[in-house]
Amino acid sequence: MKFCPSLKVIEFTGMDRHERVKYFSQYDVILTSYGVALRDHSLLQNFQFDYIVLDESQRIKNRASKTFKLLFDLPAKTKFR
């Protein structure tokens, strides 16, 4: 990461992503897509996040949408959108 090189980053994508969940606590930043987060919601729900930061995607603009509800259901101390 250009502005914070000391942060440890992991990408939660790809076929082997389920194996990486056990290492989440070793990282500062976990990057994923909306699609992966929705598919793996039950798995992600077991991890306590400090922050969840969502970009301004059309997928979360509607508070009644399944995407919005599932992502805001994930356990986190703080959520930004």
PDB file of N, CA and C in Angstrom:
ATOM      1  N   MET A   1       0.855  -1.168   0.000  1.00  0.00           N
ATOM      2  CA  MET A   1       0.000   0.000   0.000  1.00  0.00           C
ATOM      3  C   MET A   1       0.900   1.229   0.000  1.00  0.00           C
ATOM      4  N   LYS A   2       0.663   2.073  -0.922  1.00  0.00           N
ATOM      5  CA  LYS A   2       1.530   3.225  -1.161  1.00  0.00           C
ATOM      6  C   LYS A   2       1.640   4.167   0.040  1.00  0.00           C
ATOM      7  N   PHE A   3       0.537   4.495   0.680  1.00  0.00           N
ATOM      8  CA  PHE A   3       0.555   5.508   1.740  1.00  0.00           C
ATOM      9  C   PHE A   3       0.746   4.926   3.141  1.00  0.00           C
ATOM     10  N   CYS A   4       0.574   3.653   3.275  1.00  0.00           N
ATOM     11  CA  CYS A   4       0.751   2.988   4.576  1.00  0.00           C
ATOM     12  C   CYS A   4       1.490   1.667   4.357  1.00  0.00           C
ATOM     13  N   PRO A   5       2.764   1.738   4.021  1.00  0.00           N
ATOM     14  CA  PRO A   5       3.489   0.503   3.677  1.00  0.00           C
ATOM     15  C   PRO A   5       3.608  -0.495   4.824  1.00  0.00           C
ATOM     16  N   SER A   6       3.387  -0.062   6.046  1.00  0.00           N
ATOM     17  CA  SER A   6       3.502  -0.984   7.178  1.00  0.00           C
ATOM     18  C   SER A   6       2.250  -1.852   7.375  1.00  0.00           C
ATOM     19  N   LEU A   7       1.143  -1.493   6.709  1.00  0.00           N
ATOM     20  CA  LEU A   7      -0.082  -2.286   6.832  1.00  0.00           C
ATOM     21  C   LEU A   7       0.054  -3.605   6.076  1.00  0.00           C
ATOM     22  N   LYS A   8      -0.405  -4.673   6.699  1.00  0.00           N
ATOM     23  CA  LYS A   8      -0.399  -5.980   6.042  1.00  0.00           C
ATOM     24  C   LYS A   8      -1.763  -6.185   5.392  1.00  0.00           C
ATOM     25  N   VAL A   9      -1.735  -6.526   4.106  1.00  0.00           N
ATOM     26  CA  VAL A   9      -2.954  -6.636   3.306  1.00  0.00           C
ATOM     27  C   VAL A   9      -3.094  -8.057   2.758  1.00  0.00           C
ATOM     28  N   ILE A  10      -4.320  -8.570   2.808  1.00  0.00           N
ATOM     29  CA  ILE A  10      -4.629  -9.872   2.197  1.00  0.00           C
ATOM     30  C   ILE A  10      -5.837  -9.698   1.290  1.00  0.00           C
ATOM     31  N   GLU A  11      -5.825 -10.379   0.155  1.00  0.00           N
ATOM     32  CA  GLU A  11      -6.970 -10.369  -0.744  1.00  0.00           C
ATOM     33  C   GLU A  11      -7.794 -11.632  -0.496  1.00  0.00           C
ATOM     34  N   PHE A  12      -9.059 -11.429  -0.213  1.00  0.00           N
ATOM     35  CA  PHE A  12      -9.978 -12.543   0.006  1.00  0.00           C
ATOM     36  C   PHE A  12     -10.732 -12.777  -1.293  1.00  0.00           C
ATOM     37  N   THR A  13     -10.043 -13.392  -2.235  1.00  0.00           N
ATOM     38  CA  THR A  13     -10.593 -13.682  -3.561  1.00  0.00           C
ATOM     39  C   THR A  13      -9.993 -15.003  -4.033  1.00  0.00           C
ATOM     40  N   GLY A  14     -10.510 -15.524  -5.111  1.00  0.00           N
ATOM     41  CA  GLY A  14      -9.939 -16.722  -5.713  1.00  0.00           C
ATOM     42  C   GLY A  14     -10.474 -18.011  -5.134  1.00  0.00           C
ATOM     43  N   MET A  15     -10.060 -19.088  -5.741  1.00  0.00           N
ATOM     44  CA  MET A  15     -10.552 -20.416  -5.381  1.00  0.00           C
ATOM     45  C   MET A  15     -10.092 -20.867  -3.995  1.00  0.00           C
ATOM     46  N   ASP A  16      -8.936 -20.409  -3.543  1.00  0.00           N
ATOM     47  CA  ASP A  16      -8.399 -20.865  -2.257  1.00  0.00           C
ATOM     48  C   ASP A  16      -8.686 -19.888  -1.115  1.00  0.00           C
ATOM     49  N   ARG A  17      -9.621 -18.988  -1.305  1.00  0.00           N
ATOM     50  CA  ARG A  17      -9.860 -17.934  -0.316  1.00  0.00           C
ATOM     51  C   ARG A  17     -10.317 -18.469   1.044  1.00  0.00           C
ATOM     52  N   HIS A  18     -11.043 -19.576   1.055  1.00  0.00           N
ATOM     53  CA  HIS A  18     -11.534 -20.122   2.332  1.00  0.00           C
ATOM     54  C   HIS A  18     -10.387 -20.526   3.248  1.00  0.00           C
ATOM     55  N   GLU A  19      -9.284 -20.911   2.669  1.00  0.00           N
ATOM     56  CA  GLU A  19      -8.112 -21.281   3.466  1.00  0.00           C
ATOM     57  C   GLU A  19      -7.507 -20.057   4.157  1.00  0.00           C
ATOM     58  N   ARG A  20      -7.720 -18.873   3.595  1.00  0.00           N
ATOM     59  CA  ARG A  20      -7.102 -17.649   4.128  1.00  0.00           C
ATOM     60  C   ARG A  20      -7.849 -17.061   5.326  1.00  0.00           C
ATOM     61  N   VAL A  21      -9.060 -17.480   5.583  1.00  0.00           N
ATOM     62  CA  VAL A  21      -9.841 -16.917   6.691  1.00  0.00           C
ATOM     63  C   VAL A  21      -9.120 -17.114   8.021  1.00  0.00           C
ATOM     64  N   LYS A  22      -8.489 -18.231   8.194  1.00  0.00           N
ATOM     65  CA  LYS A  22      -7.813 -18.501   9.464  1.00  0.00           C
ATOM     66  C   LYS A  22      -6.641 -17.555   9.719  1.00  0.00           C
ATOM     67  N   TYR A  23      -6.207 -16.827   8.689  1.00  0.00           N
ATOM     68  CA  TYR A  23      -5.095 -15.884   8.833  1.00  0.00           C
ATOM     69  C   TYR A  23      -5.553 -14.428   8.956  1.00  0.00           C
ATOM     70  N   PHE A  24      -6.846 -14.175   8.915  1.00  0.00           N
ATOM     71  CA  PHE A  24      -7.367 -12.807   8.950  1.00  0.00           C
ATOM     72  C   PHE A  24      -6.785 -11.980  10.094  1.00  0.00           C
ATOM     73  N   SER A  25      -6.682 -12.559  11.257  1.00  0.00           N
ATOM     74  CA  SER A  25      -6.222 -11.791  12.427  1.00  0.00           C
ATOM     75  C   SER A  25      -4.775 -11.317  12.297  1.00  0.00           C
ATOM     76  N   GLN A  26      -4.041 -11.866  11.351  1.00  0.00           N
ATOM     77  CA  GLN A  26      -2.653 -11.461  11.137  1.00  0.00           C
ATOM     78  C   GLN A  26      -2.541 -10.259  10.193  1.00  0.00           C
ATOM     79  N   TYR A  27      -3.669  -9.804   9.641  1.00  0.00           N
ATOM     80  CA  TYR A  27      -3.670  -8.725   8.651  1.00  0.00           C
ATOM     81  C   TYR A  27      -4.416  -7.500   9.156  1.00  0.00           C
ATOM     82  N   ASP A  28      -4.008  -6.351   8.635  1.00  0.00           N
ATOM     83  CA  ASP A  28      -4.659  -5.086   8.971  1.00  0.00           C
ATOM     84  C   ASP A  28      -5.802  -4.782   8.021  1.00  0.00           C
ATOM     85  N   VAL A  29      -5.665  -5.207   6.759  1.00  0.00           N
ATOM     86  CA  VAL A  29      -6.648  -4.891   5.720  1.00  0.00           C
ATOM     87  C   VAL A  29      -6.993  -6.179   4.967  1.00  0.00           C
ATOM     88  N   ILE A  30      -8.299  -6.414   4.809  1.00  0.00           N
ATOM     89  CA  ILE A  30      -8.788  -7.556   4.043  1.00  0.00           C
ATOM     90  C   ILE A  30      -9.596  -6.985   2.883  1.00  0.00           C
ATOM     91  N   LEU A  31      -9.168  -7.262   1.668  1.00  0.00           N
ATOM     92  CA  LEU A  31      -9.843  -6.748   0.478  1.00  0.00           C
ATOM     93  C   LEU A  31     -10.644  -7.857  -0.185  1.00  0.00           C
ATOM     94  N   THR A  32     -11.859  -7.522  -0.592  1.00  0.00           N
ATOM     95  CA  THR A  32     -12.676  -8.481  -1.328  1.00  0.00           C
ATOM     96  C   THR A  32     -13.674  -7.731  -2.196  1.00  0.00           C
ATOM     97  N   SER A  33     -14.477  -8.470  -2.920  1.00  0.00           N
ATOM     98  CA  SER A  33     -15.506  -7.866  -3.775  1.00  0.00           C
ATOM     99  C   SER A  33     -16.868  -8.057  -3.128  1.00  0.00           C
ATOM    100  N   TYR A  34     -17.860  -7.335  -3.619  1.00  0.00           N
ATOM    101  CA  TYR A  34     -19.225  -7.506  -3.114  1.00  0.00           C
ATOM    102  C   TYR A  34     -19.710  -8.929  -3.379  1.00  0.00           C
ATOM    103  N   GLY A  35     -19.412  -9.453  -4.558  1.00  0.00           N
ATOM    104  CA  GLY A  35     -19.852 -10.799  -4.909  1.00  0.00           C
ATOM    105  C   GLY A  35     -19.299 -11.851  -3.971  1.00  0.00           C
ATOM    106  N   VAL A  36     -18.011 -11.784  -3.678  1.00  0.00           N
ATOM    107  CA  VAL A  36     -17.391 -12.749  -2.767  1.00  0.00           C
ATOM    108  C   VAL A  36     -17.957 -12.582  -1.362  1.00  0.00           C
ATOM    109  N   ALA A  37     -18.115 -11.352  -0.915  1.00  0.00           N
ATOM    110  CA  ALA A  37     -18.654 -11.109   0.431  1.00  0.00           C
ATOM    111  C   ALA A  37     -20.058 -11.676   0.569  1.00  0.00           C
ATOM    112  N   LEU A  38     -20.853 -11.591  -0.486  1.00  0.00           N
ATOM    113  CA  LEU A  38     -22.204 -12.154  -0.441  1.00  0.00           C
ATOM    114  C   LEU A  38     -22.174 -13.677  -0.440  1.00  0.00           C
ATOM    115  N   ARG A  39     -21.340 -14.257  -1.309  1.00  0.00           N
ATOM    116  CA  ARG A  39     -21.247 -15.720  -1.379  1.00  0.00           C
ATOM    117  C   ARG A  39     -20.731 -16.313  -0.073  1.00  0.00           C
ATOM    118  N   ASP A  40     -19.799 -15.613   0.578  1.00  0.00           N
ATOM    119  CA  ASP A  40     -19.162 -16.139   1.779  1.00  0.00           C
ATOM    120  C   ASP A  40     -19.622 -15.433   3.052  1.00  0.00           C
ATOM    121  N   HIS A  41     -20.819 -14.881   3.019  1.00  0.00           N
ATOM    122  CA  HIS A  41     -21.347 -14.127   4.150  1.00  0.00           C
ATOM    123  C   HIS A  41     -21.318 -14.942   5.438  1.00  0.00           C
ATOM    124  N   SER A  42     -21.764 -16.191   5.383  1.00  0.00           N
ATOM    125  CA  SER A  42     -21.800 -17.009   6.601  1.00  0.00           C
ATOM    126  C   SER A  42     -20.406 -17.256   7.156  1.00  0.00           C
ATOM    127  N   LEU A  43     -19.421 -17.343   6.301  1.00  0.00           N
ATOM    128  CA  LEU A  43     -18.038 -17.522   6.738  1.00  0.00           C
ATOM    129  C   LEU A  43     -17.488 -16.231   7.339  1.00  0.00           C
ATOM    130  N   LEU A  44     -17.747 -15.108   6.684  1.00  0.00           N
ATOM    131  CA  LEU A  44     -17.261 -13.806   7.161  1.00  0.00           C
ATOM    132  C   LEU A  44     -17.963 -13.384   8.452  1.00  0.00           C
ATOM    133  N   GLN A  45     -19.138 -13.870   8.674  1.00  0.00           N
ATOM    134  CA  GLN A  45     -19.909 -13.509   9.858  1.00  0.00           C
ATOM    135  C   GLN A  45     -19.247 -14.012  11.149  1.00  0.00           C
ATOM    136  N   ASN A  46     -18.345 -14.964  11.016  1.00  0.00           N
ATOM    137  CA  ASN A  46     -17.660 -15.526  12.176  1.00  0.00           C
ATOM    138  C   ASN A  46     -16.418 -14.738  12.587  1.00  0.00           C
ATOM    139  N   PHE A  47     -16.109 -13.678  11.874  1.00  0.00           N
ATOM    140  CA  PHE A  47     -14.918 -12.870  12.166  1.00  0.00           C
ATOM    141  C   PHE A  47     -15.353 -11.493  12.653  1.00  0.00           C
ATOM    142  N   GLN A  48     -14.752 -11.005  13.729  1.00  0.00           N
ATOM    143  CA  GLN A  48     -15.053  -9.663  14.234  1.00  0.00           C
ATOM    144  C   GLN A  48     -14.121  -8.659  13.551  1.00  0.00           C
ATOM    145  N   PHE A  49     -14.685  -7.819  12.706  1.00  0.00           N
ATOM    146  CA  PHE A  49     -13.910  -6.796  12.010  1.00  0.00           C
ATOM    147  C   PHE A  49     -13.856  -5.535  12.864  1.00  0.00           C
ATOM    148  N   ASP A  50     -12.763  -4.797  12.763  1.00  0.00           N
ATOM    149  CA  ASP A  50     -12.707  -3.494  13.417  1.00  0.00           C
ATOM    150  C   ASP A  50     -13.488  -2.488  12.581  1.00  0.00           C
ATOM    151  N   TYR A  51     -13.249  -2.516  11.273  1.00  0.00           N
ATOM    152  CA  TYR A  51     -13.916  -1.596  10.348  1.00  0.00           C
ATOM    153  C   TYR A  51     -14.356  -2.350   9.113  1.00  0.00           C
ATOM    154  N   ILE A  52     -15.473  -1.933   8.559  1.00  0.00           N
ATOM    155  CA  ILE A  52     -15.886  -2.363   7.230  1.00  0.00           C
ATOM    156  C   ILE A  52     -16.084  -1.081   6.433  1.00  0.00           C
ATOM    157  N   VAL A  53     -15.377  -0.989   5.318  1.00  0.00           N
ATOM    158  CA  VAL A  53     -15.451   0.191   4.461  1.00  0.00           C
ATOM    159  C   VAL A  53     -15.986  -0.253   3.112  1.00  0.00           C
ATOM    160  N   LEU A  54     -17.112   0.327   2.704  1.00  0.00           N
ATOM    161  CA  LEU A  54     -17.748  -0.012   1.439  1.00  0.00           C
ATOM    162  C   LEU A  54     -17.672   1.180   0.500  1.00  0.00           C
ATOM    163  N   ASP A  55     -17.328   0.919  -0.760  1.00  0.00           N
ATOM    164  CA  ASP A  55     -17.306   2.027  -1.714  1.00  0.00           C
ATOM    165  C   ASP A  55     -18.739   2.383  -2.101  1.00  0.00           C
ATOM    166  N   GLU A  56     -18.889   3.383  -2.905  1.00  0.00           N
ATOM    167  CA  GLU A  56     -20.221   3.871  -3.256  1.00  0.00           C
ATOM    168  C   GLU A  56     -20.816   3.141  -4.442  1.00  0.00           C
ATOM    169  N   SER A  57     -20.835   1.856  -4.357  1.00  0.00           N
ATOM    170  CA  SER A  57     -21.380   1.028  -5.416  1.00  0.00           C
ATOM    171  C   SER A  57     -22.905   1.147  -5.470  1.00  0.00           C
ATOM    172  N   GLN A  58     -23.445   0.964  -6.646  1.00  0.00           N
ATOM    173  CA  GLN A  58     -24.895   0.929  -6.798  1.00  0.00           C
ATOM    174  C   GLN A  58     -25.496  -0.231  -6.006  1.00  0.00           C
ATOM    175  N   ARG A  59     -24.684  -1.241  -5.720  1.00  0.00           N
ATOM    176  CA  ARG A  59     -25.173  -2.430  -5.025  1.00  0.00           C
ATOM    177  C   ARG A  59     -25.549  -2.159  -3.572  1.00  0.00           C
ATOM    178  N   ILE A  60     -25.041  -1.073  -2.978  1.00  0.00           N
ATOM    179  CA  ILE A  60     -25.379  -0.799  -1.578  1.00  0.00           C
ATOM    180  C   ILE A  60     -26.149   0.504  -1.390  1.00  0.00           C
ATOM    181  N   LYS A  61     -26.465   1.180  -2.462  1.00  0.00           N
ATOM    182  CA  LYS A  61     -27.204   2.437  -2.332  1.00  0.00           C
ATOM    183  C   LYS A  61     -28.628   2.216  -1.826  1.00  0.00           C
ATOM    184  N   ASN A  62     -29.203   1.104  -2.171  1.00  0.00           N
ATOM    185  CA  ASN A  62     -30.568   0.787  -1.758  1.00  0.00           C
ATOM    186  C   ASN A  62     -30.524   0.019  -0.433  1.00  0.00           C
ATOM    187  N   ARG A  63     -30.972   0.646   0.653  1.00  0.00           N
ATOM    188  CA  ARG A  63     -30.931   0.019   1.981  1.00  0.00           C
ATOM    189  C   ARG A  63     -31.812  -1.226   2.073  1.00  0.00           C
ATOM    190  N   ALA A  64     -32.744  -1.385   1.159  1.00  0.00           N
ATOM    191  CA  ALA A  64     -33.621  -2.553   1.170  1.00  0.00           C
ATOM    192  C   ALA A  64     -33.021  -3.729   0.397  1.00  0.00           C
ATOM    193  N   SER A  65     -31.898  -3.514  -0.267  1.00  0.00           N
ATOM    194  CA  SER A  65     -31.307  -4.571  -1.085  1.00  0.00           C
ATOM    195  C   SER A  65     -30.686  -5.657  -0.220  1.00  0.00           C
ATOM    196  N   LYS A  66     -30.621  -6.856  -0.782  1.00  0.00           N
ATOM    197  CA  LYS A  66     -30.019  -7.995  -0.091  1.00  0.00           C
ATOM    198  C   LYS A  66     -28.542  -7.714   0.204  1.00  0.00           C
ATOM    199  N   THR A  67     -27.847  -7.100  -0.736  1.00  0.00           N
ATOM    200  CA  THR A  67     -26.427  -6.791  -0.558  1.00  0.00           C
ATOM    201  C   THR A  67     -26.227  -5.881   0.643  1.00  0.00           C
ATOM    202  N   PHE A  68     -26.985  -4.804   0.708  1.00  0.00           N
ATOM    203  CA  PHE A  68     -26.856  -3.863   1.824  1.00  0.00           C
ATOM    204  C   PHE A  68     -27.115  -4.569   3.150  1.00  0.00           C
ATOM    205  N   LYS A  69     -28.200  -5.312   3.222  1.00  0.00           N
ATOM    206  CA  LYS A  69     -28.579  -5.971   4.471  1.00  0.00           C
ATOM    207  C   LYS A  69     -27.519  -6.977   4.932  1.00  0.00           C
ATOM    208  N   LEU A  70     -27.019  -7.796   4.018  1.00  0.00           N
ATOM    209  CA  LEU A  70     -26.027  -8.799   4.395  1.00  0.00           C
ATOM    210  C   LEU A  70     -24.703  -8.168   4.817  1.00  0.00           C
ATOM    211  N   LEU A  71     -24.254  -7.161   4.082  1.00  0.00           N
ATOM    212  CA  LEU A  71     -22.972  -6.549   4.424  1.00  0.00           C
ATOM    213  C   LEU A  71     -23.049  -5.759   5.724  1.00  0.00           C
ATOM    214  N   PHE A  72     -24.158  -5.111   5.970  1.00  0.00           N
ATOM    215  CA  PHE A  72     -24.289  -4.375   7.225  1.00  0.00           C
ATOM    216  C   PHE A  72     -24.610  -5.291   8.399  1.00  0.00           C
ATOM    217  N   ASP A  73     -24.869  -6.543   8.096  1.00  0.00           N
ATOM    218  CA  ASP A  73     -25.085  -7.540   9.141  1.00  0.00           C
ATOM    219  C   ASP A  73     -23.751  -8.106   9.663  1.00  0.00           C
ATOM    220  N   LEU A  74     -22.677  -7.940   8.910  1.00  0.00           N
ATOM    221  CA  LEU A  74     -21.374  -8.469   9.328  1.00  0.00           C
ATOM    222  C   LEU A  74     -20.915  -7.765  10.597  1.00  0.00           C
ATOM    223  N   PRO A  75     -20.302  -8.500  11.520  1.00  0.00           N
ATOM    224  CA  PRO A  75     -19.868  -7.895  12.793  1.00  0.00           C
ATOM    225  C   PRO A  75     -18.660  -6.994  12.614  1.00  0.00           C
ATOM    226  N   ALA A  76     -18.833  -5.723  12.999  1.00  0.00           N
ATOM    227  CA  ALA A  76     -17.741  -4.758  12.924  1.00  0.00           C
ATOM    228  C   ALA A  76     -18.003  -3.666  13.953  1.00  0.00           C
ATOM    229  N   LYS A  77     -16.919  -3.134  14.515  1.00  0.00           N
ATOM    230  CA  LYS A  77     -17.049  -2.039  15.471  1.00  0.00           C
ATOM    231  C   LYS A  77     -17.555  -0.786  14.776  1.00  0.00           C
ATOM    232  N   THR A  78     -17.086  -0.562  13.538  1.00  0.00           N
ATOM    233  CA  THR A  78     -17.466   0.623  12.772  1.00  0.00           C
ATOM    234  C   THR A  78     -17.658   0.263  11.318  1.00  0.00           C
ATOM    235  N   LYS A  79     -18.679   0.877  10.692  1.00  0.00           N
ATOM    236  CA  LYS A  79     -18.948   0.646   9.263  1.00  0.00           C
ATOM    237  C   LYS A  79     -19.037   1.987   8.552  1.00  0.00           C
ATOM    238  N   PHE A  80     -18.357   2.078   7.414  1.00  0.00           N
ATOM    239  CA  PHE A  80     -18.387   3.265   6.587  1.00  0.00           C
ATOM    240  C   PHE A  80     -18.939   2.908   5.227  1.00  0.00           C
ATOM    241  N   ARG A  81     -19.748   3.788   4.694  1.00  0.00           N
ATOM    242  CA  ARG A  81     -20.198   3.607   3.316  1.00  0.00           C
ATOM    243  C   ARG A  81     -20.266   4.942   2.635  1.00  0.00           C
TER     244      ARG A  81
END
